[in-house]
């Protein structure tokens, strides 16, 4: 009788050991799964940040060019006149304008 009882305790210990091994493997798989998605999302976010930084840089350059243009057109009457003549095909009375494209 005593021998039978010890065998059942030994099988209980084996079952408990297998349970912990299986649980550890499941937790490891879940951790890897979550880590892979986190790494993928981080890479995507960094790519978006780089893209937005490039857009910001190009927009800042455009702002700089426009600021220079605004300064030139507001402070230099000759530039304003030449720009208006070219852009809007304006002419003085008695002038003939030829448009070449």
PDB file of N, CA and C in Angstrom:
ATOM      1  N   UNK A   1       0.804  -1.199   0.000  1.00  0.00           N
ATOM      2  CA  UNK A   1       0.000   0.000   0.000  1.00  0.00           C
ATOM      3  C   UNK A   1       0.851   1.269   0.000  1.00  0.00           C
ATOM      4  N   UNK A   2       1.909   1.239   0.795  1.00  0.00           N
ATOM      5  CA  UNK A   2       2.784   2.385   0.853  1.00  0.00           C
ATOM      6  C   UNK A   2       3.458   2.640  -0.489  1.00  0.00           C
ATOM      7  N   UNK A   3       3.837   1.627  -1.206  1.00  0.00           N
ATOM      8  CA  UNK A   3       4.490   1.755  -2.485  1.00  0.00           C
ATOM      9  C   UNK A   3       3.587   2.421  -3.511  1.00  0.00           C
ATOM     10  N   UNK A   4       2.329   2.028  -3.495  1.00  0.00           N
ATOM     11  CA  UNK A   4       1.362   2.607  -4.429  1.00  0.00           C
ATOM     12  C   UNK A   4       1.188   4.097  -4.171  1.00  0.00           C
ATOM     13  N   UNK A   5       1.188   4.476  -2.944  1.00  0.00           N
ATOM     14  CA  UNK A   5       1.000   5.875  -2.586  1.00  0.00           C
ATOM     15  C   UNK A   5       2.185   6.713  -3.068  1.00  0.00           C
ATOM     16  N   UNK A   6       3.407   6.206  -2.929  1.00  0.00           N
ATOM     17  CA  UNK A   6       4.585   6.928  -3.376  1.00  0.00           C
ATOM     18  C   UNK A   6       4.574   7.079  -4.887  1.00  0.00           C
ATOM     19  N   UNK A   7       4.135   6.113  -5.628  1.00  0.00           N
ATOM     20  CA  UNK A   7       4.069   6.224  -7.075  1.00  0.00           C
ATOM     21  C   UNK A   7       3.083   7.311  -7.486  1.00  0.00           C
ATOM     22  N   UNK A   8       1.983   7.376  -6.811  1.00  0.00           N
ATOM     23  CA  UNK A   8       1.020   8.407  -7.167  1.00  0.00           C
ATOM     24  C   UNK A   8       1.576   9.799  -6.852  1.00  0.00           C
ATOM     25  N   UNK A   9       2.345   9.934  -5.793  1.00  0.00           N
ATOM     26  CA  UNK A   9       2.981  11.210  -5.479  1.00  0.00           C
ATOM     27  C   UNK A   9       4.042  11.539  -6.536  1.00  0.00           C
ATOM     28  N   UNK A  10       4.760  10.523  -7.001  1.00  0.00           N
ATOM     29  CA  UNK A  10       5.757  10.738  -8.043  1.00  0.00           C
ATOM     30  C   UNK A  10       5.083  11.179  -9.341  1.00  0.00           C
ATOM     31  N   UNK A  11       3.974  10.571  -9.681  1.00  0.00           N
ATOM     32  CA  UNK A  11       3.263  10.992 -10.890  1.00  0.00           C
ATOM     33  C   UNK A  11       2.689  12.391 -10.710  1.00  0.00           C
ATOM     34  N   UNK A  12       2.255  12.718  -9.511  1.00  0.00           N
ATOM     35  CA  UNK A  12       1.770  14.086  -9.250  1.00  0.00           C
ATOM     36  C   UNK A  12       2.891  15.101  -9.461  1.00  0.00           C
ATOM     37  N   UNK A  13       4.081  14.777  -8.988  1.00  0.00           N
ATOM     38  CA  UNK A  13       5.218  15.676  -9.167  1.00  0.00           C
ATOM     39  C   UNK A  13       5.565  15.827 -10.646  1.00  0.00           C
ATOM     40  N   UNK A  14       5.498  14.726 -11.407  1.00  0.00           N
ATOM     41  CA  UNK A  14       5.751  14.805 -12.837  1.00  0.00           C
ATOM     42  C   UNK A  14       4.725  15.688 -13.519  1.00  0.00           C
ATOM     43  N   UNK A  15       3.470  15.520 -13.150  1.00  0.00           N
ATOM     44  CA  UNK A  15       2.398  16.339 -13.743  1.00  0.00           C
ATOM     45  C   UNK A  15       2.617  17.808 -13.407  1.00  0.00           C
ATOM     46  N   UNK A  16       2.973  18.083 -12.159  1.00  0.00           N
ATOM     47  CA  UNK A  16       3.226  19.475 -11.754  1.00  0.00           C
ATOM     48  C   UNK A  16       4.414  20.029 -12.518  1.00  0.00           C
ATOM     49  N   UNK A  17       5.467  19.263 -12.695  1.00  0.00           N
ATOM     50  CA  UNK A  17       6.641  19.713 -13.459  1.00  0.00           C
ATOM     51  C   UNK A  17       6.274  19.990 -14.908  1.00  0.00           C
ATOM     52  N   UNK A  18       5.515  19.085 -15.519  1.00  0.00           N
ATOM     53  CA  UNK A  18       5.078  19.309 -16.904  1.00  0.00           C
ATOM     54  C   UNK A  18       4.206  20.561 -17.011  1.00  0.00           C
ATOM     55  N   UNK A  19       3.348  20.768 -16.025  1.00  0.00           N
ATOM     56  CA  UNK A  19       2.487  21.964 -16.028  1.00  0.00           C
ATOM     57  C   UNK A  19       3.344  23.233 -16.056  1.00  0.00           C
ATOM     58  N   UNK A  20       4.371  23.295 -15.186  1.00  0.00           N
ATOM     59  CA  UNK A  20       5.205  24.488 -15.120  1.00  0.00           C
ATOM     60  C   UNK A  20       6.034  24.667 -16.385  1.00  0.00           C
ATOM     61  N   UNK A  21       6.475  23.561 -16.966  1.00  0.00           N
ATOM     62  CA  UNK A  21       7.223  23.650 -18.224  1.00  0.00           C
ATOM     63  C   UNK A  21       6.327  24.188 -19.331  1.00  0.00           C
ATOM     64  N   UNK A  22       5.119  23.644 -19.432  1.00  0.00           N
ATOM     65  CA  UNK A  22       4.174  24.100 -20.462  1.00  0.00           C
ATOM     66  C   UNK A  22       3.815  25.564 -20.240  1.00  0.00           C
ATOM     67  N   UNK A  23       3.572  25.946 -18.990  1.00  0.00           N
ATOM     68  CA  UNK A  23       3.228  27.339 -18.680  1.00  0.00           C
ATOM     69  C   UNK A  23       4.377  28.277 -19.041  1.00  0.00           C
ATOM     70  N   UNK A  24       5.611  27.859 -18.761  1.00  0.00           N
ATOM     71  CA  UNK A  24       6.776  28.679 -19.102  1.00  0.00           C
ATOM     72  C   UNK A  24       6.897  28.847 -20.610  1.00  0.00           C
ATOM     73  N   UNK A  25       6.681  27.778 -21.370  1.00  0.00           N
ATOM     74  CA  UNK A  25       6.745  27.859 -22.827  1.00  0.00           C
ATOM     75  C   UNK A  25       5.653  28.775 -23.361  1.00  0.00           C
ATOM     76  N   UNK A  26       4.439  28.684 -22.833  1.00  0.00           N
ATOM     77  CA  UNK A  26       3.335  29.546 -23.276  1.00  0.00           C
ATOM     78  C   UNK A  26       3.654  31.003 -22.984  1.00  0.00           C
ATOM     79  N   UNK A  27       4.183  31.292 -21.815  1.00  0.00           N
ATOM     80  CA  UNK A  27       4.526  32.679 -21.470  1.00  0.00           C
ATOM     81  C   UNK A  27       5.640  33.184 -22.382  1.00  0.00           C
ATOM     82  N   UNK A  28       6.624  32.335 -22.686  1.00  0.00           N
ATOM     83  CA  UNK A  28       7.716  32.736 -23.580  1.00  0.00           C
ATOM     84  C   UNK A  28       7.188  33.035 -24.975  1.00  0.00           C
ATOM     85  N   UNK A  29       6.280  32.203 -25.469  1.00  0.00           N
ATOM     86  CA  UNK A  29       5.703  32.437 -26.797  1.00  0.00           C
ATOM     87  C   UNK A  29       4.904  33.733 -26.811  1.00  0.00           C
ATOM     88  N   UNK A  30       4.108  33.968 -25.785  1.00  0.00           N
ATOM     89  CA  UNK A  30       3.330  35.219 -25.719  1.00  0.00           C
ATOM     90  C   UNK A  30       4.256  36.435 -25.657  1.00  0.00           C
ATOM     91  N   UNK A  31       5.324  36.324 -24.904  1.00  0.00           N
ATOM     92  CA  UNK A  31       6.278  37.426 -24.797  1.00  0.00           C
ATOM     93  C   UNK A  31       6.927  37.716 -26.146  1.00  0.00           C
ATOM     94  N   UNK A  32       7.335  36.683 -26.853  1.00  0.00           N
ATOM     95  CA  UNK A  32       7.914  36.873 -28.188  1.00  0.00           C
ATOM     96  C   UNK A  32       6.914  37.498 -29.146  1.00  0.00           C
ATOM     97  N   UNK A  33       5.686  37.045 -29.090  1.00  0.00           N
ATOM     98  CA  UNK A  33       4.630  37.570 -29.964  1.00  0.00           C
ATOM     99  C   UNK A  33       4.438  39.064 -29.740  1.00  0.00           C
ATOM    100  N   UNK A  34       4.324  39.445 -28.484  1.00  0.00           N
ATOM    101  CA  UNK A  34       4.126  40.866 -28.158  1.00  0.00           C
ATOM    102  C   UNK A  34       5.368  41.672 -28.531  1.00  0.00           C
ATOM    103  N   UNK A  35       6.555  41.124 -28.294  1.00  0.00           N
ATOM    104  CA  UNK A  35       7.794  41.834 -28.610  1.00  0.00           C
ATOM    105  C   UNK A  35       7.932  42.080 -30.108  1.00  0.00           C
ATOM    106  N   UNK A  36       7.583  41.095 -30.903  1.00  0.00           N
ATOM    107  CA  UNK A  36       7.687  41.250 -32.355  1.00  0.00           C
ATOM    108  C   UNK A  36       6.785  42.383 -32.833  1.00  0.00           C
ATOM    109  N   UNK A  37       5.547  42.426 -32.338  1.00  0.00           N
ATOM    110  CA  UNK A  37       4.646  43.494 -32.753  1.00  0.00           C
ATOM    111  C   UNK A  37       5.113  44.846 -32.247  1.00  0.00           C
ATOM    112  N   UNK A  38       5.672  44.886 -31.063  1.00  0.00           N
ATOM    113  CA  UNK A  38       6.171  46.151 -30.526  1.00  0.00           C
ATOM    114  C   UNK A  38       7.352  46.652 -31.358  1.00  0.00           C
ATOM    115  N   UNK A  39       8.252  45.760 -31.714  1.00  0.00           N
ATOM    116  CA  UNK A  39       9.402  46.155 -32.532  1.00  0.00           C
ATOM    117  C   UNK A  39       8.935  46.636 -33.904  1.00  0.00           C
ATOM    118  N   UNK A  40       7.974  45.925 -34.497  1.00  0.00           N
ATOM    119  CA  UNK A  40       7.451  46.324 -35.806  1.00  0.00           C
ATOM    120  C   UNK A  40       6.808  47.710 -35.733  1.00  0.00           C
ATOM    121  N   UNK A  41       6.023  47.936 -34.692  1.00  0.00           N
ATOM    122  CA  UNK A  41       5.383  49.250 -34.541  1.00  0.00           C
ATOM    123  C   UNK A  41       6.417  50.353 -34.320  1.00  0.00           C
ATOM    124  N   UNK A  42       7.478  50.048 -33.586  1.00  0.00           N
ATOM    125  CA  UNK A  42       8.535  51.028 -33.354  1.00  0.00           C
ATOM    126  C   UNK A  42       9.233  51.386 -34.662  1.00  0.00           C
ATOM    127  N   UNK A  43       9.506  50.391 -35.489  1.00  0.00           N
ATOM    128  CA  UNK A  43      10.149  50.651 -36.779  1.00  0.00           C
ATOM    129  C   UNK A  43       9.251  51.501 -37.661  1.00  0.00           C
ATOM    130  N   UNK A  44       7.964  51.173 -37.689  1.00  0.00           N
ATOM    131  CA  UNK A  44       7.019  51.986 -38.480  1.00  0.00           C
ATOM    132  C   UNK A  44       6.967  53.418 -37.974  1.00  0.00           C
ATOM    133  N   UNK A  45       6.934  53.588 -36.659  1.00  0.00           N
ATOM    134  CA  UNK A  45       6.860  54.937 -36.091  1.00  0.00           C
ATOM    135  C   UNK A  45       8.107  55.746 -36.436  1.00  0.00           C
ATOM    136  N   UNK A  46       9.274  55.109 -36.386  1.00  0.00           N
ATOM    137  CA  UNK A  46      10.510  55.816 -36.734  1.00  0.00           C
ATOM    138  C   UNK A  46      10.523  56.207 -38.201  1.00  0.00           C
ATOM    139  N   UNK A  47       9.990  55.335 -39.060  1.00  0.00           N
ATOM    140  CA  UNK A  47       9.918  55.668 -40.488  1.00  0.00           C
ATOM    141  C   UNK A  47       8.986  56.860 -40.714  1.00  0.00           C
ATOM    142  N   UNK A  48       7.860  56.876 -40.010  1.00  0.00           N
ATOM    143  CA  UNK A  48       6.931  58.006 -40.133  1.00  0.00           C
ATOM    144  C   UNK A  48       7.569  59.287 -39.618  1.00  0.00           C
ATOM    145  N   UNK A  49       8.316  59.188 -38.538  1.00  0.00           N
ATOM    146  CA  UNK A  49       8.983  60.379 -37.997  1.00  0.00           C
ATOM    147  C   UNK A  49       9.977  60.929 -39.005  1.00  0.00           C
ATOM    148  N   UNK A  50      10.768  60.033 -39.641  1.00  0.00           N
ATOM    149  CA  UNK A  50      11.723  60.495 -40.651  1.00  0.00           C
ATOM    150  C   UNK A  50      10.995  61.160 -41.814  1.00  0.00           C
ATOM    151  N   UNK A  51       9.869  60.581 -42.237  1.00  0.00           N
ATOM    152  CA  UNK A  51       9.099  61.164 -43.346  1.00  0.00           C
ATOM    153  C   UNK A  51       8.568  62.544 -42.961  1.00  0.00           C
ATOM    154  N   UNK A  52       8.055  62.657 -41.748  1.00  0.00           N
ATOM    155  CA  UNK A  52       7.535  63.958 -41.304  1.00  0.00           C
ATOM    156  C   UNK A  52       8.661  64.979 -41.150  1.00  0.00           C
ATOM    157  N   UNK A  53       9.822  64.529 -40.698  1.00  0.00           N
ATOM    158  CA  UNK A  53      10.963  65.448 -40.600  1.00  0.00           C
ATOM    159  C   UNK A  53      11.366  65.976 -41.974  1.00  0.00           C
ATOM    160  N   UNK A  54      11.338  65.104 -42.989  1.00  0.00           N
ATOM    161  CA  UNK A  54      11.650  65.566 -44.344  1.00  0.00           C
ATOM    162  C   UNK A  54      10.603  66.574 -44.826  1.00  0.00           C
ATOM    163  N   UNK A  55       9.336  66.309 -44.533  1.00  0.00           N
ATOM    164  CA  UNK A  55       8.285  67.256 -44.927  1.00  0.00           C
ATOM    165  C   UNK A  55       8.471  68.589 -44.213  1.00  0.00           C
ATOM    166  N   UNK A  56       8.793  68.533 -42.936  1.00  0.00           N
ATOM    167  CA  UNK A  56       9.010  69.766 -42.170  1.00  0.00           C
ATOM    168  C   UNK A  56      10.161  70.553 -42.760  1.00  0.00           C
ATOM    169  N   UNK A  57      11.237  69.861 -43.095  1.00  0.00           N
ATOM    170  CA  UNK A  57      12.397  70.543 -43.673  1.00  0.00           C
ATOM    171  C   UNK A  57      12.050  71.206 -45.001  1.00  0.00           C
ATOM    172  N   UNK A  58      11.313  70.493 -45.860  1.00  0.00           N
ATOM    173  CA  UNK A  58      10.955  71.093 -47.152  1.00  0.00           C
ATOM    174  C   UNK A  58      10.001  72.273 -46.960  1.00  0.00           C
ATOM    175  N   UNK A  59       9.085  72.168 -46.015  1.00  0.00           N
ATOM    176  CA  UNK A  59       8.172  73.287 -45.758  1.00  0.00           C
ATOM    177  C   UNK A  59       8.910  74.488 -45.158  1.00  0.00           C
ATOM    178  N   UNK A  60       9.899  74.223 -44.313  1.00  0.00           N
ATOM    179  CA  UNK A  60      10.685  75.333 -43.765  1.00  0.00           C
ATOM    180  C   UNK A  60      11.466  76.038 -44.864  1.00  0.00           C
ATOM    181  N   UNK A  61      11.992  75.264 -45.824  1.00  0.00           N
ATOM    182  CA  UNK A  61      12.693  75.876 -46.954  1.00  0.00           C
ATOM    183  C   UNK A  61      11.725  76.714 -47.787  1.00  0.00           C
ATOM    184  N   UNK A  62      10.517  76.206 -47.984  1.00  0.00           N
ATOM    185  CA  UNK A  62       9.510  76.958 -48.752  1.00  0.00           C
ATOM    186  C   UNK A  62       9.135  78.241 -48.011  1.00  0.00           C
ATOM    187  N   UNK A  63       9.000  78.155 -46.704  1.00  0.00           N
ATOM    188  CA  UNK A  63       8.697  79.343 -45.907  1.00  0.00           C
ATOM    189  C   UNK A  63       9.821  80.364 -46.049  1.00  0.00           C
ATOM    190  N   UNK A  64      11.056  79.893 -46.024  1.00  0.00           N
ATOM    191  CA  UNK A  64      12.205  80.796 -46.175  1.00  0.00           C
ATOM    192  C   UNK A  64      12.176  81.483 -47.543  1.00  0.00           C
ATOM    193  N   UNK A  65      11.928  80.706 -48.612  1.00  0.00           N
ATOM    194  CA  UNK A  65      11.855  81.304 -49.953  1.00  0.00           C
ATOM    195  C   UNK A  65      10.700  82.310 -50.035  1.00  0.00           C
ATOM    196  N   UNK A  66       9.559  81.949 -49.481  1.00  0.00           N
ATOM    197  CA  UNK A  66       8.408  82.855 -49.526  1.00  0.00           C
ATOM    198  C   UNK A  66       8.663  84.115 -48.708  1.00  0.00           C
ATOM    199  N   UNK A  67       9.351  83.975 -47.589  1.00  0.00           N
ATOM    200  CA  UNK A  67       9.672  85.152 -46.771  1.00  0.00           C
ATOM    201  C   UNK A  67      10.589  86.107 -47.537  1.00  0.00           C
ATOM    202  N   UNK A  68      11.577  85.528 -48.228  1.00  0.00           N
ATOM    203  CA  UNK A  68      12.477  86.362 -49.038  1.00  0.00           C
ATOM    204  C   UNK A  68      11.683  87.056 -50.147  1.00  0.00           C
ATOM    205  N   UNK A  69      10.769  86.322 -50.785  1.00  0.00           N
ATOM    206  CA  UNK A  69       9.951  86.896 -51.851  1.00  0.00           C
ATOM    207  C   UNK A  69       9.067  88.019 -51.312  1.00  0.00           C
ATOM    208  N   UNK A  70       8.433  87.786 -50.170  1.00  0.00           N
ATOM    209  CA  UNK A  70       7.561  88.810 -49.574  1.00  0.00           C
ATOM    210  C   UNK A  70       8.363  90.052 -49.224  1.00  0.00           C
ATOM    211  N   UNK A  71       9.547  89.839 -48.660  1.00  0.00           N
ATOM    212  CA  UNK A  71      10.400  90.980 -48.321  1.00  0.00           C
ATOM    213  C   UNK A  71      10.777  91.754 -49.582  1.00  0.00           C
ATOM    214  N   UNK A  72      11.119  91.040 -50.652  1.00  0.00           N
ATOM    215  CA  UNK A  72      11.516  91.710 -51.892  1.00  0.00           C
ATOM    216  C   UNK A  72      10.344  92.448 -52.521  1.00  0.00           C
ATOM    217  N   UNK A  73       9.182  91.839 -52.514  1.00  0.00           N
ATOM    218  CA  UNK A  73       8.041  92.461 -53.206  1.00  0.00           C
ATOM    219  C   UNK A  73       7.480  93.650 -52.414  1.00  0.00           C
ATOM    220  N   UNK A  74       7.636  93.626 -51.098  1.00  0.00           N
ATOM    221  CA  UNK A  74       7.115  94.750 -50.306  1.00  0.00           C
ATOM    222  C   UNK A  74       8.112  95.899 -50.190  1.00  0.00           C
ATOM    223  N   UNK A  75       9.402  95.617 -50.323  1.00  0.00           N
ATOM    224  CA  UNK A  75      10.376  96.683 -50.116  1.00  0.00           C
ATOM    225  C   UNK A  75      10.938  97.251 -51.418  1.00  0.00           C
ATOM    226  N   UNK A  76      10.827  96.542 -52.518  1.00  0.00           N
ATOM    227  CA  UNK A  76      11.417  96.991 -53.775  1.00  0.00           C
ATOM    228  C   UNK A  76      10.314  97.219 -54.816  1.00  0.00           C
ATOM    229  N   UNK A  77       9.956  98.487 -55.082  1.00  0.00           N
ATOM    230  CA  UNK A  77       8.874  98.753 -56.044  1.00  0.00           C
ATOM    231  C   UNK A  77       9.198  98.275 -57.460  1.00  0.00           C
ATOM    232  N   UNK A  78      10.449  98.312 -57.856  1.00  0.00           N
ATOM    233  CA  UNK A  78      10.812  97.842 -59.196  1.00  0.00           C
ATOM    234  C   UNK A  78      10.578  96.337 -59.320  1.00  0.00           C
ATOM    235  N   UNK A  79      10.925  95.592 -58.284  1.00  0.00           N
ATOM    236  CA  UNK A  79      10.695  94.144 -58.304  1.00  0.00           C
ATOM    237  C   UNK A  79       9.199  93.850 -58.351  1.00  0.00           C
ATOM    238  N   UNK A  80       8.414  94.617 -57.570  1.00  0.00           N
ATOM    239  CA  UNK A  80       6.966  94.415 -57.557  1.00  0.00           C
ATOM    240  C   UNK A  80       6.387  94.682 -58.944  1.00  0.00           C
ATOM    241  N   UNK A  81       6.853  95.723 -59.601  1.00  0.00           N
ATOM    242  CA  UNK A  81       6.353  96.051 -60.937  1.00  0.00           C
ATOM    243  C   UNK A  81       6.747  94.962 -61.944  1.00  0.00           C
ATOM    244  N   UNK A  82       7.988  94.541 -61.916  1.00  0.00           N
ATOM    245  CA  UNK A  82       8.419  93.513 -62.874  1.00  0.00           C
ATOM    246  C   UNK A  82       7.703  92.195 -62.612  1.00  0.00           C
ATOM    247  N   UNK A  83       7.465  91.864 -61.350  1.00  0.00           N
ATOM    248  CA  UNK A  83       6.753  90.630 -61.034  1.00  0.00           C
ATOM    249  C   UNK A  83       5.307  90.707 -61.530  1.00  0.00           C
ATOM    250  N   UNK A  84       4.650  91.843 -61.303  1.00  0.00           N
ATOM    251  CA  UNK A  84       3.260  92.007 -61.740  1.00  0.00           C
ATOM    252  C   UNK A  84       3.167  91.962 -63.263  1.00  0.00           C
ATOM    253  N   UNK A  85       4.126  92.571 -63.936  1.00  0.00           N
ATOM    254  CA  UNK A  85       4.103  92.555 -65.409  1.00  0.00           C
ATOM    255  C   UNK A  85       4.278  91.135 -65.940  1.00  0.00           C
ATOM    256  N   UNK A  86       5.204  90.370 -65.340  1.00  0.00           N
ATOM    257  CA  UNK A  86       5.446  89.006 -65.819  1.00  0.00           C
ATOM    258  C   UNK A  86       4.309  88.066 -65.429  1.00  0.00           C
ATOM    259  N   UNK A  87       3.893  88.153 -64.216  1.00  0.00           N
ATOM    260  CA  UNK A  87       2.911  87.185 -63.707  1.00  0.00           C
ATOM    261  C   UNK A  87       1.516  87.443 -64.257  1.00  0.00           C
ATOM    262  N   UNK A  88       1.094  88.688 -64.275  1.00  0.00           N
ATOM    263  CA  UNK A  88      -0.291  89.016 -64.644  1.00  0.00           C
ATOM    264  C   UNK A  88      -0.392  89.678 -66.020  1.00  0.00           C
ATOM    265  N   UNK A  89       0.688  89.666 -66.776  1.00  0.00           N
ATOM    266  CA  UNK A  89       0.711  90.209 -68.135  1.00  0.00           C
ATOM    267  C   UNK A  89       0.195  91.645 -68.167  1.00  0.00           C
ATOM    268  N   UNK A  90       0.671  92.437 -67.236  1.00  0.00           N
ATOM    269  CA  UNK A  90       0.262  93.832 -67.165  1.00  0.00           C
ATOM    270  C   UNK A  90       1.138  94.650 -68.117  1.00  0.00           C
ATOM    271  N   UNK A  91       0.576  95.773 -68.517  1.00  0.00           N
ATOM    272  CA  UNK A  91       1.318  96.656 -69.427  1.00  0.00           C
ATOM    273  C   UNK A  91       0.949  98.093 -69.130  1.00  0.00           C
ATOM    274  N   UNK A  92       1.830  98.958 -69.554  1.00  0.00           N
ATOM    275  CA  UNK A  92       1.582 100.380 -69.394  1.00  0.00           C
ATOM    276  C   UNK A  92       0.779 100.842 -70.603  1.00  0.00           C
ATOM    277  N   UNK A  93       0.115 101.970 -70.480  1.00  0.00           N
ATOM    278  CA  UNK A  93      -0.634 102.478 -71.636  1.00  0.00           C
ATOM    279  C   UNK A  93       0.317 102.746 -72.797  1.00  0.00           C
ATOM    280  N   UNK A  94      -0.048 102.271 -73.966  1.00  0.00           N
ATOM    281  CA  UNK A  94       0.731 102.492 -75.165  1.00  0.00           C
ATOM    282  C   UNK A  94       1.792 101.421 -75.407  1.00  0.00           C
ATOM    283  N   UNK A  95       1.944 100.484 -74.466  1.00  0.00           N
ATOM    284  CA  UNK A  95       2.921  99.416 -74.633  1.00  0.00           C
ATOM    285  C   UNK A  95       2.277  98.226 -75.327  1.00  0.00           C
ATOM    286  N   UNK A  96       3.079  97.504 -76.049  1.00  0.00           N
ATOM    287  CA  UNK A  96       2.610  96.263 -76.643  1.00  0.00           C
ATOM    288  C   UNK A  96       3.397  95.123 -75.997  1.00  0.00           C
ATOM    289  N   UNK A  97       2.672  94.150 -75.459  1.00  0.00           N
ATOM    290  CA  UNK A  97       3.304  93.025 -74.768  1.00  0.00           C
ATOM    291  C   UNK A  97       3.186  91.794 -75.639  1.00  0.00           C
ATOM    292  N   UNK A  98       4.311  91.153 -75.838  1.00  0.00           N
ATOM    293  CA  UNK A  98       4.319  89.892 -76.574  1.00  0.00           C
ATOM    294  C   UNK A  98       4.610  88.748 -75.580  1.00  0.00           C
ATOM    295  N   UNK A  99       3.765  87.763 -75.579  1.00  0.00           N
ATOM    296  CA  UNK A  99       3.937  86.621 -74.672  1.00  0.00           C
ATOM    297  C   UNK A  99       4.518  85.473 -75.453  1.00  0.00           C
ATOM    298  N   UNK A 100       5.668  85.025 -74.999  1.00  0.00           N
ATOM    299  CA  UNK A 100       6.332  83.889 -75.637  1.00  0.00           C
ATOM    300  C   UNK A 100       6.307  82.712 -74.677  1.00  0.00           C
ATOM    301  N   UNK A 101       5.868  81.600 -75.179  1.00  0.00           N
ATOM    302  CA  UNK A 101       5.845  80.399 -74.326  1.00  0.00           C
ATOM    303  C   UNK A 101       6.659  79.306 -74.957  1.00  0.00           C
TER     304      UNK A 101
END
